[in-house]
Amino acid sequence: MNQYLDIAPEVSAALAEGRPVVALESTIISHGMPYPQNVETALAVENIIRAEGAVPATIAIIGGRLKAGLSPAEIEHLGKSGQAVPKASRRDLPVLVARGSDGATTVTTTMMIAAMAGISVFATGGIGGVHRGAETSMDVSADLEELAQTPVMVICAGAKSILDLGLTLEYLETKGVPVLGYGTEELPAFYTRRSGFSVDYRVDTPEELAAIAKAQRALGYRGGLLVTNPIPEEYSMDKAVIDAAISQALAEAQEQGVHGKAVTPFLLAKVKELTGGESLDSNIQLVFNNARLAARVAAAMK
């Protein structure tokens, strides 16, 4: 086991006994939602996973230690600290560990730490991808590279709709990452169920997702799987409304010179403001939906 990794007793016992475990990220706690909704949501997601018969493992960096499984007090700490906690991607881990710092894990670092711990299924909101205007900014999320090299199944509501979804799919195809639609042939776009872009394959049961993951490993593939699970119909937002909010948010980000890892939190906060909070409600519900599916897939893999 990695010398910097701490696996929570509940998670360690489940892994040793062959019981299903689902990884969860922590950036959604510190950077994705305001306090106290962030803490309430994080604890609710863990409870949903337990109700489905699996064990949750929320992942973060606490005091320079890579944590696979957080206590309620640690989740509260991340939630109250908010954006004061560094958003930790792959490049940040050595520095945060060496300095004994805290860090909130992105999709990338959650995948890395989950793989170190032996956790193969991860539920999140939406992945990062190729940003709009990336042909000049070169702004491409490290999430896509991690999906190409780390053997973890990521269950999400698609790529965040603030991104260039077409280029994101092209990038994943180049990297050989299968993009699977759960109950859909169309890539969901985070807040909305439809994007106009097709996934590689439609899959309709947790059991088939588990079988695909097992086959991928047996074939010796080193990368992961991306499962896109549409937001429930009753929480899906009007595409015209969300597109207008995103366009305005992007324009304001450019005017204010927002760049790098600050872009996504800025855009999500601005979209929330422009939609009167409706986007935050949708965000919470799609995370719940992904957690349920992830727990069922993790159980089917046993």
Foldseek 3Di string as FASTA:
>chain_A
DDPQEDEDPVRLVCVVVVWFEAEEFFLCQQQVDAPPVSLVLVVVLQVLLVVLPYGYFYWWQAQLGTYGRDDSVVSVVSNVCHPVAAADAPVCNVVCNVRRGIYTYALRVSLVNCQVVVHAEYEYEAHEAAAPVCVPVVDGDCNLVQQLAGRHEYEYQYHALLGDRVVRQVSNVVSVAAEEEAVDQARGHRLAGHDPHGGPYYDHALLVVLVVSVVCVVVPRRGYYYYHYHQPPVLRDDPVQLVVQSVVQVVVCVVVVPDDPRNVSSSSVSSCVSVVNSSVVSSSRRSSVRSNSRSRNSNSND
